[in-house]
């Protein structure tokens, strides 16, 4: 989080907030540990919020200050509109565009096709999450890091979708959510493989 705050203080703020939410939702950690973790998290939130304020001149404790910041971002987006803008699109479409564009049909050149392959893998990740939602939900409840990575990825993607205005910006910015998404996907695949081995073990013993 110290490294995050040096380069992307707003993402560091989201990260610390995600830890706070993950700890609050944790039912397995005893009360004393939760209190200590929450206290440490609040100190971290204060430090990162101060950095965000000095870097972006935004007071995260003031709804008006945050609203003015996003309004300024929208004006900047209109100045740098490159023809691939999604400024006037509904928020769900902006979020979908952030995650999956370009996607072959609107890819430009070789680099666009490479990005489309990346987006195809991204779509496959989300399909896996949806198809195994019961397992995903169980992991979210039981594993603290899984819960943190989920909250972090969701908050970052929602935040980016608010200030997202073209495909090029989306390709650069969304990489901040990739580590958490990949961690979730790898954990899901490992658990599915473990379940498969467990299911196969009884039949192997019977055959032996």
N, C-alpha and C. Protein backbone atom coordinates (compact mmCIF):
# COMPACT_ATOMS: atom_id res chain seq x y z
N UNK A 1 0.82 -1.20 0.00
CA UNK A 1 0.00 0.00 0.00
C UNK A 1 0.86 1.26 0.00
N UNK A 2 2.04 1.18 0.63
CA UNK A 2 2.95 2.32 0.58
C UNK A 2 3.40 2.59 -0.85
N UNK A 3 3.71 1.53 -1.60
CA UNK A 3 4.10 1.69 -3.00
C UNK A 3 2.92 2.19 -3.83
N UNK A 4 1.73 1.65 -3.59
CA UNK A 4 0.53 2.12 -4.27
C UNK A 4 0.34 3.61 -4.08
N UNK A 5 0.48 4.05 -2.83
CA UNK A 5 0.23 5.44 -2.50
C UNK A 5 1.22 6.37 -3.17
N UNK A 6 2.45 5.89 -3.39
CA UNK A 6 3.46 6.71 -4.06
C UNK A 6 3.08 7.01 -5.50
N UNK A 7 2.46 6.04 -6.19
CA UNK A 7 2.19 6.20 -7.61
C UNK A 7 0.71 6.42 -7.92
N UNK A 8 -0.18 5.76 -7.19
CA UNK A 8 -1.62 5.87 -7.42
C UNK A 8 -2.31 5.98 -6.07
N UNK A 9 -2.25 7.16 -5.44
CA UNK A 9 -2.79 7.27 -4.08
C UNK A 9 -4.28 6.95 -3.99
N UNK A 10 -5.04 7.23 -5.06
CA UNK A 10 -6.48 6.92 -5.02
C UNK A 10 -6.71 5.42 -5.01
N UNK A 11 -5.83 4.66 -5.68
CA UNK A 11 -5.95 3.20 -5.66
C UNK A 11 -5.50 2.66 -4.31
N UNK A 12 -4.50 3.29 -3.71
CA UNK A 12 -4.11 2.91 -2.36
C UNK A 12 -5.25 3.11 -1.38
N UNK A 13 -6.00 4.20 -1.56
CA UNK A 13 -7.16 4.46 -0.71
C UNK A 13 -8.20 3.37 -0.86
N UNK A 14 -8.46 2.97 -2.11
CA UNK A 14 -9.42 1.89 -2.37
C UNK A 14 -8.92 0.59 -1.74
N UNK A 15 -7.61 0.33 -1.84
CA UNK A 15 -7.06 -0.89 -1.26
C UNK A 15 -7.24 -0.96 0.24
N UNK A 16 -6.93 0.13 0.93
CA UNK A 16 -7.08 0.14 2.38
C UNK A 16 -8.56 0.03 2.77
N UNK A 17 -9.43 0.73 2.03
CA UNK A 17 -10.87 0.63 2.29
C UNK A 17 -11.36 -0.80 2.08
N UNK A 18 -10.80 -1.48 1.09
CA UNK A 18 -11.19 -2.87 0.81
C UNK A 18 -10.80 -3.78 1.96
N UNK A 19 -9.63 -3.55 2.54
CA UNK A 19 -9.22 -4.34 3.70
C UNK A 19 -10.18 -4.12 4.86
N UNK A 20 -10.55 -2.84 5.07
CA UNK A 20 -11.47 -2.54 6.16
C UNK A 20 -12.79 -3.28 5.98
N UNK A 21 -13.33 -3.26 4.76
CA UNK A 21 -14.59 -3.94 4.49
C UNK A 21 -14.44 -5.44 4.64
N UNK A 22 -13.32 -5.99 4.16
CA UNK A 22 -13.10 -7.44 4.24
C UNK A 22 -13.02 -7.89 5.69
N UNK A 23 -12.36 -7.09 6.54
CA UNK A 23 -12.21 -7.45 7.95
C UNK A 23 -13.56 -7.36 8.67
N UNK A 24 -14.31 -6.29 8.38
CA UNK A 24 -15.61 -6.12 9.02
C UNK A 24 -16.54 -7.29 8.69
N UNK A 25 -16.44 -7.80 7.47
CA UNK A 25 -17.31 -8.90 7.03
C UNK A 25 -16.81 -10.27 7.48
N UNK A 26 -15.64 -10.32 8.10
CA UNK A 26 -15.06 -11.60 8.50
C UNK A 26 -15.68 -12.09 9.80
N UNK A 27 -16.32 -13.23 9.77
CA UNK A 27 -16.97 -13.80 10.95
C UNK A 27 -16.06 -14.75 11.72
N UNK A 28 -14.98 -15.18 11.11
CA UNK A 28 -14.12 -16.18 11.74
C UNK A 28 -13.06 -15.55 12.65
N UNK A 29 -12.67 -14.31 12.35
CA UNK A 29 -11.66 -13.64 13.16
C UNK A 29 -12.27 -13.19 14.49
N UNK A 30 -11.56 -13.43 15.57
CA UNK A 30 -12.10 -13.06 16.88
C UNK A 30 -12.21 -11.54 17.00
N UNK A 31 -13.03 -11.11 17.94
CA UNK A 31 -13.38 -9.69 18.08
C UNK A 31 -12.16 -8.83 18.35
N UNK A 32 -11.26 -9.30 19.22
CA UNK A 32 -10.08 -8.49 19.56
C UNK A 32 -9.22 -8.25 18.33
N UNK A 33 -8.99 -9.30 17.55
CA UNK A 33 -8.19 -9.15 16.34
C UNK A 33 -8.87 -8.23 15.34
N UNK A 34 -10.18 -8.35 15.22
CA UNK A 34 -10.92 -7.48 14.30
C UNK A 34 -10.79 -6.03 14.70
N UNK A 35 -10.87 -5.75 16.00
CA UNK A 35 -10.76 -4.38 16.48
C UNK A 35 -9.37 -3.81 16.15
N UNK A 36 -8.33 -4.62 16.39
CA UNK A 36 -6.96 -4.16 16.10
C UNK A 36 -6.79 -3.90 14.61
N UNK A 37 -7.26 -4.83 13.78
CA UNK A 37 -7.12 -4.68 12.33
C UNK A 37 -7.90 -3.46 11.83
N UNK A 38 -9.10 -3.27 12.35
CA UNK A 38 -9.89 -2.12 11.93
C UNK A 38 -9.22 -0.82 12.35
N UNK A 39 -8.65 -0.79 13.55
CA UNK A 39 -7.95 0.42 14.01
C UNK A 39 -6.75 0.73 13.11
N UNK A 40 -5.98 -0.31 12.78
CA UNK A 40 -4.83 -0.11 11.89
C UNK A 40 -5.30 0.35 10.51
N UNK A 41 -6.40 -0.20 10.05
CA UNK A 41 -6.92 0.18 8.75
C UNK A 41 -7.38 1.63 8.74
N UNK A 42 -8.00 2.06 9.81
CA UNK A 42 -8.46 3.45 9.88
C UNK A 42 -7.29 4.42 9.85
N UNK A 43 -6.19 4.05 10.53
CA UNK A 43 -4.99 4.88 10.48
C UNK A 43 -4.46 4.94 9.03
N UNK A 44 -4.46 3.77 8.36
CA UNK A 44 -4.03 3.74 6.98
C UNK A 44 -4.92 4.58 6.08
N UNK A 45 -6.23 4.51 6.32
CA UNK A 45 -7.17 5.32 5.54
C UNK A 45 -6.88 6.81 5.69
N UNK A 46 -6.62 7.21 6.92
CA UNK A 46 -6.32 8.62 7.16
C UNK A 46 -5.06 9.07 6.44
N UNK A 47 -4.01 8.22 6.49
CA UNK A 47 -2.75 8.58 5.83
C UNK A 47 -2.91 8.65 4.32
N UNK A 48 -3.60 7.67 3.74
CA UNK A 48 -3.76 7.65 2.29
C UNK A 48 -4.69 8.78 1.84
N UNK A 49 -5.74 9.05 2.63
CA UNK A 49 -6.67 10.13 2.29
C UNK A 49 -5.93 11.47 2.26
N UNK A 50 -4.99 11.65 3.18
CA UNK A 50 -4.19 12.89 3.19
C UNK A 50 -3.34 13.00 1.93
N UNK A 51 -2.80 11.85 1.49
CA UNK A 51 -2.00 11.86 0.26
C UNK A 51 -2.86 12.17 -0.95
N UNK A 52 -4.06 11.59 -1.00
CA UNK A 52 -4.98 11.88 -2.10
C UNK A 52 -5.32 13.37 -2.13
N UNK A 53 -5.53 13.94 -0.97
CA UNK A 53 -5.89 15.36 -0.90
C UNK A 53 -4.75 16.24 -1.40
N UNK A 54 -3.51 15.91 -1.02
CA UNK A 54 -2.38 16.73 -1.44
C UNK A 54 -2.06 16.53 -2.92
N UNK A 55 -2.35 15.33 -3.46
CA UNK A 55 -2.03 15.04 -4.85
C UNK A 55 -3.09 15.56 -5.80
N UNK A 56 -4.37 15.32 -5.48
CA UNK A 56 -5.46 15.67 -6.39
C UNK A 56 -6.31 16.84 -5.91
N UNK A 57 -5.99 17.39 -4.75
CA UNK A 57 -6.80 18.47 -4.16
C UNK A 57 -8.24 18.02 -3.97
N UNK A 58 -8.41 16.80 -3.50
CA UNK A 58 -9.74 16.24 -3.28
C UNK A 58 -9.85 15.82 -1.82
N UNK A 59 -10.87 16.31 -1.15
CA UNK A 59 -11.16 15.90 0.22
C UNK A 59 -12.15 14.73 0.16
N UNK A 60 -11.65 13.52 0.41
CA UNK A 60 -12.49 12.33 0.25
C UNK A 60 -13.57 12.25 1.32
N UNK A 61 -13.49 13.09 2.33
CA UNK A 61 -14.54 13.10 3.35
C UNK A 61 -15.68 14.05 2.98
N UNK A 62 -15.53 14.76 1.88
CA UNK A 62 -16.55 15.72 1.43
C UNK A 62 -17.16 15.26 0.12
N UNK A 63 -18.47 15.02 0.12
CA UNK A 63 -19.16 14.60 -1.10
C UNK A 63 -19.05 15.67 -2.18
N UNK A 64 -19.10 16.95 -1.77
CA UNK A 64 -19.00 18.03 -2.74
C UNK A 64 -17.65 18.07 -3.43
N UNK A 65 -16.58 17.86 -2.65
CA UNK A 65 -15.23 17.86 -3.22
C UNK A 65 -15.04 16.71 -4.20
N UNK A 66 -15.54 15.53 -3.83
CA UNK A 66 -15.43 14.36 -4.71
C UNK A 66 -16.26 14.59 -5.98
N UNK A 67 -17.47 15.15 -5.83
CA UNK A 67 -18.31 15.43 -6.99
C UNK A 67 -17.66 16.43 -7.93
N UNK A 68 -17.03 17.47 -7.39
CA UNK A 68 -16.34 18.46 -8.22
C UNK A 68 -15.19 17.81 -8.99
N UNK A 69 -14.50 16.86 -8.33
CA UNK A 69 -13.39 16.17 -9.00
C UNK A 69 -13.88 15.39 -10.20
N UNK A 70 -14.96 14.62 -10.03
CA UNK A 70 -15.48 13.83 -11.14
C UNK A 70 -16.03 14.72 -12.25
N UNK A 71 -16.62 15.86 -11.88
CA UNK A 71 -17.11 16.80 -12.89
C UNK A 71 -15.93 17.34 -13.71
N UNK A 72 -14.84 17.64 -13.03
CA UNK A 72 -13.64 18.09 -13.74
C UNK A 72 -13.08 17.03 -14.67
N UNK A 73 -13.13 15.76 -14.22
CA UNK A 73 -12.67 14.67 -15.07
C UNK A 73 -13.52 14.55 -16.32
N UNK A 74 -14.83 14.74 -16.20
CA UNK A 74 -15.72 14.67 -17.36
C UNK A 74 -15.42 15.78 -18.35
N UNK A 75 -15.11 16.99 -17.86
CA UNK A 75 -14.76 18.09 -18.75
C UNK A 75 -13.45 17.81 -19.47
N UNK A 76 -12.50 17.25 -18.74
CA UNK A 76 -11.23 16.88 -19.36
C UNK A 76 -11.44 15.83 -20.45
N UNK A 77 -12.33 14.87 -20.18
CA UNK A 77 -12.62 13.82 -21.16
C UNK A 77 -13.16 14.40 -22.46
N UNK A 78 -14.01 15.41 -22.37
CA UNK A 78 -14.58 16.03 -23.57
C UNK A 78 -13.50 16.73 -24.38
N UNK A 79 -12.50 17.29 -23.70
CA UNK A 79 -11.41 17.96 -24.41
C UNK A 79 -10.54 16.98 -25.17
N UNK A 80 -10.42 15.74 -24.63
CA UNK A 80 -9.54 14.75 -25.23
C UNK A 80 -10.31 13.63 -25.91
N UNK A 81 -11.51 13.92 -26.34
CA UNK A 81 -12.33 12.93 -27.05
C UNK A 81 -11.63 12.54 -28.34
N UNK A 82 -11.35 11.23 -28.50
CA UNK A 82 -10.60 10.74 -29.66
C UNK A 82 -11.47 9.97 -30.64
N UNK A 83 -12.77 10.04 -30.51
CA UNK A 83 -13.64 9.34 -31.44
C UNK A 83 -14.10 8.01 -30.94
N UNK A 84 -13.50 7.49 -29.85
CA UNK A 84 -13.93 6.21 -29.28
C UNK A 84 -14.57 6.44 -27.92
N UNK A 85 -15.16 7.62 -27.75
CA UNK A 85 -15.69 8.00 -26.44
C UNK A 85 -16.97 7.25 -26.11
N UNK A 86 -17.19 7.09 -24.81
CA UNK A 86 -18.42 6.47 -24.32
C UNK A 86 -19.01 7.35 -23.22
N UNK A 87 -18.76 8.66 -23.33
CA UNK A 87 -19.16 9.58 -22.27
C UNK A 87 -20.66 9.57 -22.02
N UNK A 88 -21.45 9.45 -23.08
CA UNK A 88 -22.90 9.55 -22.94
C UNK A 88 -23.58 8.20 -22.80
N UNK A 89 -22.80 7.14 -22.72
CA UNK A 89 -23.38 5.80 -22.59
C UNK A 89 -23.85 5.58 -21.16
N UNK A 90 -24.89 4.74 -20.97
CA UNK A 90 -25.32 4.38 -19.60
C UNK A 90 -24.17 3.72 -18.84
N UNK A 91 -24.20 3.85 -17.52
CA UNK A 91 -23.09 3.35 -16.71
C UNK A 91 -22.81 1.86 -16.93
N UNK A 92 -23.84 0.97 -17.00
CA UNK A 92 -23.53 -0.45 -17.24
C UNK A 92 -22.76 -0.68 -18.55
N UNK A 93 -23.10 0.08 -19.60
CA UNK A 93 -22.38 -0.06 -20.86
C UNK A 93 -20.96 0.48 -20.75
N UNK A 94 -20.77 1.53 -19.98
CA UNK A 94 -19.43 2.06 -19.75
C UNK A 94 -18.56 1.02 -19.04
N UNK A 95 -19.15 0.34 -18.05
CA UNK A 95 -18.42 -0.68 -17.31
C UNK A 95 -18.09 -1.86 -18.23
N UNK A 96 -19.05 -2.29 -19.03
CA UNK A 96 -18.81 -3.40 -19.95
C UNK A 96 -17.76 -3.03 -20.99
N UNK A 97 -17.81 -1.80 -21.47
CA UNK A 97 -16.81 -1.34 -22.44
C UNK A 97 -15.42 -1.29 -21.81
N UNK A 98 -15.36 -0.85 -20.56
CA UNK A 98 -14.09 -0.81 -19.85
C UNK A 98 -13.47 -2.20 -19.75
N UNK A 99 -14.30 -3.21 -19.52
CA UNK A 99 -13.81 -4.56 -19.31
C UNK A 99 -13.48 -5.30 -20.59
N UNK A 100 -14.25 -5.08 -21.66
CA UNK A 100 -14.19 -5.99 -22.80
C UNK A 100 -13.88 -5.34 -24.15
N UNK A 101 -13.62 -4.07 -24.19
CA UNK A 101 -13.26 -3.45 -25.46
C UNK A 101 -11.75 -3.20 -25.52
N UNK A 102 -11.18 -3.33 -26.75
CA UNK A 102 -11.80 -3.76 -28.02
C UNK A 102 -12.03 -5.27 -28.03
N UNK A 103 -12.97 -5.70 -28.86
CA UNK A 103 -13.32 -7.11 -28.89
C UNK A 103 -13.50 -7.58 -30.34
N UNK A 104 -12.42 -7.65 -31.07
CA UNK A 104 -12.33 -8.13 -32.45
C UNK A 104 -13.14 -7.27 -33.43
N UNK A 105 -14.44 -7.08 -33.20
CA UNK A 105 -15.26 -6.36 -34.17
C UNK A 105 -14.89 -4.88 -34.23
N UNK A 106 -14.33 -4.32 -33.16
CA UNK A 106 -13.94 -2.92 -33.21
C UNK A 106 -12.44 -2.73 -32.98
N UNK A 107 -11.68 -3.82 -33.16
CA UNK A 107 -10.23 -3.76 -32.98
C UNK A 107 -9.59 -3.07 -34.18
N UNK A 108 -8.54 -2.31 -33.90
CA UNK A 108 -7.81 -1.61 -34.95
C UNK A 108 -6.36 -2.07 -34.97
N UNK A 109 -5.96 -2.68 -36.06
CA UNK A 109 -4.58 -3.10 -36.21
C UNK A 109 -4.23 -4.32 -35.38
N UNK A 110 -2.93 -4.66 -35.43
CA UNK A 110 -2.44 -5.85 -34.74
C UNK A 110 -2.56 -5.70 -33.23
N UNK A 111 -2.23 -4.52 -32.71
CA UNK A 111 -2.31 -4.31 -31.26
C UNK A 111 -3.76 -4.42 -30.78
N UNK A 112 -4.70 -3.97 -31.61
CA UNK A 112 -6.11 -4.11 -31.25
C UNK A 112 -6.53 -5.56 -31.17
N UNK A 113 -5.99 -6.39 -32.08
CA UNK A 113 -6.31 -7.82 -32.06
C UNK A 113 -5.70 -8.50 -30.83
N UNK A 114 -4.48 -8.07 -30.46
CA UNK A 114 -3.86 -8.62 -29.26
C UNK A 114 -4.69 -8.27 -28.02
N UNK A 115 -5.14 -7.01 -27.96
CA UNK A 115 -5.99 -6.60 -26.84
C UNK A 115 -7.31 -7.36 -26.85
N UNK A 116 -7.81 -7.72 -28.03
CA UNK A 116 -9.06 -8.47 -28.12
C UNK A 116 -8.89 -9.88 -27.56
N UNK A 117 -7.73 -10.49 -27.81
CA UNK A 117 -7.45 -11.82 -27.24
C UNK A 117 -7.42 -11.72 -25.71
N UNK A 118 -6.77 -10.66 -25.21
CA UNK A 118 -6.75 -10.43 -23.76
C UNK A 118 -8.16 -10.29 -23.21
N UNK A 119 -9.00 -9.58 -23.93
CA UNK A 119 -10.38 -9.37 -23.48
C UNK A 119 -11.20 -10.66 -23.57
N UNK A 120 -10.85 -11.53 -24.50
CA UNK A 120 -11.51 -12.83 -24.57
C UNK A 120 -11.21 -13.65 -23.32
N UNK A 121 -9.95 -13.60 -22.88
CA UNK A 121 -9.57 -14.28 -21.64
C UNK A 121 -10.27 -13.65 -20.44
N UNK A 122 -10.42 -12.32 -20.48
CA UNK A 122 -11.15 -11.64 -19.41
C UNK A 122 -12.59 -12.13 -19.35
N UNK A 123 -13.23 -12.24 -20.53
CA UNK A 123 -14.61 -12.72 -20.58
C UNK A 123 -14.70 -14.14 -20.03
N UNK A 124 -13.70 -14.98 -20.35
CA UNK A 124 -13.69 -16.36 -19.86
C UNK A 124 -13.60 -16.40 -18.33
N UNK A 125 -12.83 -15.47 -17.75
CA UNK A 125 -12.75 -15.40 -16.29
C UNK A 125 -14.11 -15.11 -15.68
N UNK A 126 -14.80 -14.13 -16.22
CA UNK A 126 -16.09 -13.76 -15.66
C UNK A 126 -17.13 -14.85 -15.86
N UNK A 127 -17.05 -15.59 -16.99
CA UNK A 127 -17.95 -16.71 -17.20
C UNK A 127 -17.69 -17.79 -16.14
N UNK A 128 -16.41 -18.02 -15.82
CA UNK A 128 -16.07 -19.00 -14.77
C UNK A 128 -16.64 -18.57 -13.42
N UNK A 129 -16.49 -17.29 -13.11
CA UNK A 129 -17.05 -16.79 -11.84
C UNK A 129 -18.56 -17.00 -11.78
N UNK A 130 -19.24 -16.70 -12.90
CA UNK A 130 -20.71 -16.83 -12.93
C UNK A 130 -21.13 -18.30 -12.86
N UNK A 131 -20.42 -19.16 -13.61
CA UNK A 131 -20.78 -20.57 -13.65
C UNK A 131 -20.57 -21.26 -12.30
N UNK A 132 -19.57 -20.81 -11.56
CA UNK A 132 -19.26 -21.40 -10.25
C UNK A 132 -19.57 -20.41 -9.13
N UNK A 133 -20.70 -19.75 -9.25
CA UNK A 133 -21.02 -18.68 -8.30
C UNK A 133 -21.15 -19.21 -6.88
N UNK A 134 -21.68 -20.43 -6.72
CA UNK A 134 -21.83 -20.99 -5.37
C UNK A 134 -20.47 -21.17 -4.70
N UNK A 135 -19.50 -21.67 -5.46
CA UNK A 135 -18.15 -21.81 -4.93
C UNK A 135 -17.53 -20.44 -4.66
N UNK A 136 -17.75 -19.50 -5.57
CA UNK A 136 -17.24 -18.15 -5.40
C UNK A 136 -17.80 -17.53 -4.11
N UNK A 137 -19.08 -17.71 -3.89
CA UNK A 137 -19.73 -17.17 -2.69
C UNK A 137 -19.16 -17.79 -1.43
N UNK A 138 -18.93 -19.11 -1.46
CA UNK A 138 -18.36 -19.80 -0.30
C UNK A 138 -16.95 -19.28 0.01
N UNK A 139 -16.16 -19.08 -1.03
CA UNK A 139 -14.80 -18.56 -0.84
C UNK A 139 -14.84 -17.14 -0.28
N UNK A 140 -15.78 -16.36 -0.77
CA UNK A 140 -15.92 -14.98 -0.30
C UNK A 140 -16.22 -14.94 1.20
N UNK A 141 -17.03 -15.86 1.66
CA UNK A 141 -17.40 -15.89 3.08
C UNK A 141 -16.28 -16.41 3.96
N UNK A 142 -15.48 -17.35 3.46
CA UNK A 142 -14.55 -18.07 4.32
C UNK A 142 -13.11 -17.59 4.24
N UNK A 143 -12.69 -17.00 3.12
CA UNK A 143 -11.29 -16.65 2.92
C UNK A 143 -11.12 -15.14 2.89
N UNK A 144 -10.36 -14.61 3.84
CA UNK A 144 -10.20 -13.17 3.98
C UNK A 144 -9.58 -12.55 2.73
N UNK A 145 -8.51 -13.14 2.22
CA UNK A 145 -7.85 -12.55 1.04
C UNK A 145 -8.76 -12.60 -0.18
N UNK A 146 -9.51 -13.68 -0.33
CA UNK A 146 -10.46 -13.78 -1.45
C UNK A 146 -11.49 -12.66 -1.35
N UNK A 147 -11.96 -12.41 -0.15
CA UNK A 147 -12.95 -11.35 0.06
C UNK A 147 -12.34 -9.98 -0.25
N UNK A 148 -11.11 -9.77 0.22
CA UNK A 148 -10.42 -8.50 -0.06
C UNK A 148 -10.24 -8.29 -1.56
N UNK A 149 -9.75 -9.32 -2.27
CA UNK A 149 -9.50 -9.18 -3.71
C UNK A 149 -10.79 -8.89 -4.47
N UNK A 150 -11.88 -9.52 -4.05
CA UNK A 150 -13.17 -9.27 -4.70
C UNK A 150 -13.62 -7.83 -4.50
N UNK A 151 -13.57 -7.37 -3.25
CA UNK A 151 -14.01 -6.00 -2.96
C UNK A 151 -13.12 -5.00 -3.67
N UNK A 152 -11.81 -5.23 -3.65
CA UNK A 152 -10.87 -4.32 -4.30
C UNK A 152 -11.14 -4.23 -5.80
N UNK A 153 -11.29 -5.38 -6.46
CA UNK A 153 -11.52 -5.38 -7.90
C UNK A 153 -12.82 -4.67 -8.24
N UNK A 154 -13.87 -4.94 -7.49
CA UNK A 154 -15.17 -4.32 -7.77
C UNK A 154 -15.10 -2.80 -7.59
N UNK A 155 -14.51 -2.35 -6.49
CA UNK A 155 -14.43 -0.92 -6.23
C UNK A 155 -13.58 -0.20 -7.27
N UNK A 156 -12.45 -0.78 -7.63
CA UNK A 156 -11.57 -0.16 -8.63
C UNK A 156 -12.28 -0.06 -9.98
N UNK A 157 -12.94 -1.14 -10.39
CA UNK A 157 -13.61 -1.13 -11.70
C UNK A 157 -14.78 -0.14 -11.72
N UNK A 158 -15.53 -0.06 -10.62
CA UNK A 158 -16.62 0.90 -10.57
C UNK A 158 -16.09 2.33 -10.59
N UNK A 159 -15.00 2.57 -9.87
CA UNK A 159 -14.39 3.90 -9.85
C UNK A 159 -13.88 4.29 -11.23
N UNK A 160 -13.21 3.36 -11.90
CA UNK A 160 -12.66 3.64 -13.22
C UNK A 160 -13.78 3.87 -14.25
N UNK A 161 -14.88 3.15 -14.10
CA UNK A 161 -15.98 3.30 -15.05
C UNK A 161 -16.59 4.71 -14.97
N UNK A 162 -16.49 5.34 -13.81
CA UNK A 162 -17.03 6.70 -13.66
C UNK A 162 -16.23 7.69 -14.49
N UNK A 163 -14.90 7.55 -14.51
CA UNK A 163 -14.04 8.51 -15.23
C UNK A 163 -13.58 7.96 -16.58
N UNK A 164 -14.13 6.85 -17.00
CA UNK A 164 -13.73 6.20 -18.26
C UNK A 164 -14.39 6.90 -19.44
N UNK A 165 -13.60 7.28 -20.44
CA UNK A 165 -14.19 7.97 -21.59
C UNK A 165 -13.72 7.48 -22.94
N UNK A 166 -12.71 6.62 -23.02
CA UNK A 166 -12.40 5.99 -24.30
C UNK A 166 -11.64 4.69 -24.09
N UNK A 167 -11.54 3.91 -25.17
CA UNK A 167 -10.98 2.56 -25.08
C UNK A 167 -9.52 2.59 -24.67
N UNK A 168 -8.77 3.53 -25.21
CA UNK A 168 -7.34 3.61 -24.87
C UNK A 168 -7.11 3.83 -23.39
N UNK A 169 -7.89 4.73 -22.81
CA UNK A 169 -7.78 4.98 -21.37
C UNK A 169 -8.14 3.73 -20.59
N UNK A 170 -9.20 3.04 -21.03
CA UNK A 170 -9.62 1.83 -20.33
C UNK A 170 -8.55 0.76 -20.32
N UNK A 171 -7.86 0.57 -21.46
CA UNK A 171 -6.81 -0.44 -21.55
C UNK A 171 -5.67 -0.14 -20.58
N UNK A 172 -5.38 1.14 -20.39
CA UNK A 172 -4.29 1.50 -19.47
C UNK A 172 -4.73 1.42 -18.01
N UNK A 173 -5.90 1.93 -17.71
CA UNK A 173 -6.31 2.08 -16.33
C UNK A 173 -6.76 0.77 -15.67
N UNK A 174 -7.42 -0.09 -16.43
CA UNK A 174 -8.03 -1.27 -15.80
C UNK A 174 -6.98 -2.26 -15.31
N UNK A 175 -5.73 -2.12 -15.77
CA UNK A 175 -4.69 -3.05 -15.31
C UNK A 175 -4.50 -2.98 -13.81
N UNK A 176 -4.97 -1.89 -13.18
CA UNK A 176 -4.85 -1.79 -11.72
C UNK A 176 -5.74 -2.80 -11.00
N UNK A 177 -6.77 -3.29 -11.70
CA UNK A 177 -7.65 -4.30 -11.11
C UNK A 177 -7.24 -5.71 -11.48
N UNK A 178 -6.31 -5.86 -12.44
CA UNK A 178 -5.94 -7.19 -12.93
C UNK A 178 -5.34 -8.10 -11.87
N UNK A 179 -4.40 -7.65 -11.03
CA UNK A 179 -3.83 -8.58 -10.04
C UNK A 179 -4.88 -9.23 -9.15
N UNK A 180 -5.85 -8.44 -8.70
CA UNK A 180 -6.90 -9.01 -7.85
C UNK A 180 -7.76 -9.99 -8.62
N UNK A 181 -8.13 -9.65 -9.86
CA UNK A 181 -8.96 -10.54 -10.68
C UNK A 181 -8.24 -11.85 -10.97
N UNK A 182 -6.95 -11.76 -11.30
CA UNK A 182 -6.18 -12.97 -11.60
C UNK A 182 -6.03 -13.84 -10.36
N UNK A 183 -5.85 -13.18 -9.18
CA UNK A 183 -5.76 -13.95 -7.94
C UNK A 183 -7.06 -14.72 -7.68
N UNK A 184 -8.19 -14.08 -7.93
CA UNK A 184 -9.48 -14.75 -7.76
C UNK A 184 -9.62 -15.92 -8.72
N UNK A 185 -9.23 -15.71 -9.97
CA UNK A 185 -9.38 -16.76 -10.98
C UNK A 185 -8.49 -17.95 -10.67
N UNK A 186 -7.23 -17.69 -10.30
CA UNK A 186 -6.31 -18.78 -9.97
C UNK A 186 -6.81 -19.56 -8.77
N UNK A 187 -7.32 -18.84 -7.75
CA UNK A 187 -7.86 -19.52 -6.57
C UNK A 187 -9.05 -20.40 -6.93
N UNK A 188 -9.93 -19.89 -7.79
CA UNK A 188 -11.09 -20.67 -8.22
C UNK A 188 -10.66 -21.93 -8.97
N UNK A 189 -9.72 -21.78 -9.90
CA UNK A 189 -9.27 -22.95 -10.68
C UNK A 189 -8.61 -23.98 -9.77
N UNK A 190 -7.83 -23.52 -8.78
CA UNK A 190 -7.17 -24.45 -7.85
C UNK A 190 -8.19 -25.21 -7.03
N UNK A 191 -9.22 -24.52 -6.56
CA UNK A 191 -10.26 -25.17 -5.76
C UNK A 191 -11.05 -26.16 -6.61
N UNK A 192 -11.34 -25.79 -7.85
CA UNK A 192 -12.07 -26.71 -8.74
C UNK A 192 -11.24 -27.96 -9.01
N UNK A 193 -9.93 -27.79 -9.22
CA UNK A 193 -9.06 -28.94 -9.44
C UNK A 193 -9.01 -29.83 -8.21
N UNK A 194 -8.97 -29.21 -7.03
CA UNK A 194 -8.96 -29.97 -5.78
C UNK A 194 -10.26 -30.76 -5.60
N UNK A 195 -11.38 -30.13 -5.93
CA UNK A 195 -12.66 -30.82 -5.84
C UNK A 195 -12.72 -32.01 -6.81
N UNK A 196 -12.15 -31.82 -7.99
CA UNK A 196 -12.14 -32.91 -8.97
C UNK A 196 -11.31 -34.08 -8.48
N UNK A 197 -10.13 -33.79 -7.90
CA UNK A 197 -9.28 -34.86 -7.36
C UNK A 197 -9.98 -35.58 -6.22
N UNK A 198 -10.67 -34.84 -5.37
CA UNK A 198 -11.40 -35.44 -4.25
C UNK A 198 -12.50 -36.36 -4.74
N UNK A 199 -13.20 -35.92 -5.80
CA UNK A 199 -14.28 -36.73 -6.36
C UNK A 199 -13.75 -37.99 -7.02
N UNK A 200 -12.57 -37.93 -7.61
CA UNK A 200 -12.00 -39.07 -8.31
C UNK A 200 -11.36 -40.07 -7.35
N UNK A 201 -10.94 -39.63 -6.17
CA UNK A 201 -10.21 -40.48 -5.25
C UNK A 201 -11.00 -41.71 -4.81
N UNK A 202 -12.30 -41.61 -4.44
CA UNK A 202 -13.05 -42.82 -4.03
C UNK A 202 -13.14 -43.87 -5.13
N UNK A 203 -13.35 -43.43 -6.36
CA UNK A 203 -13.46 -44.39 -7.46
C UNK A 203 -12.14 -45.09 -7.71
N UNK A 204 -11.02 -44.37 -7.51
CA UNK A 204 -9.71 -44.99 -7.68
C UNK A 204 -9.46 -46.03 -6.60
N UNK A 205 -9.89 -45.75 -5.36
CA UNK A 205 -9.71 -46.72 -4.28
C UNK A 205 -10.55 -47.99 -4.53
N UNK A 206 -11.77 -47.78 -5.05
CA UNK A 206 -12.63 -48.93 -5.35
C UNK A 206 -11.99 -49.78 -6.44
N UNK A 207 -11.43 -49.14 -7.47
CA UNK A 207 -10.81 -49.87 -8.56
C UNK A 207 -9.60 -50.64 -8.05
N UNK A 208 -8.84 -50.03 -7.12
CA UNK A 208 -7.68 -50.72 -6.58
C UNK A 208 -8.09 -51.94 -5.77
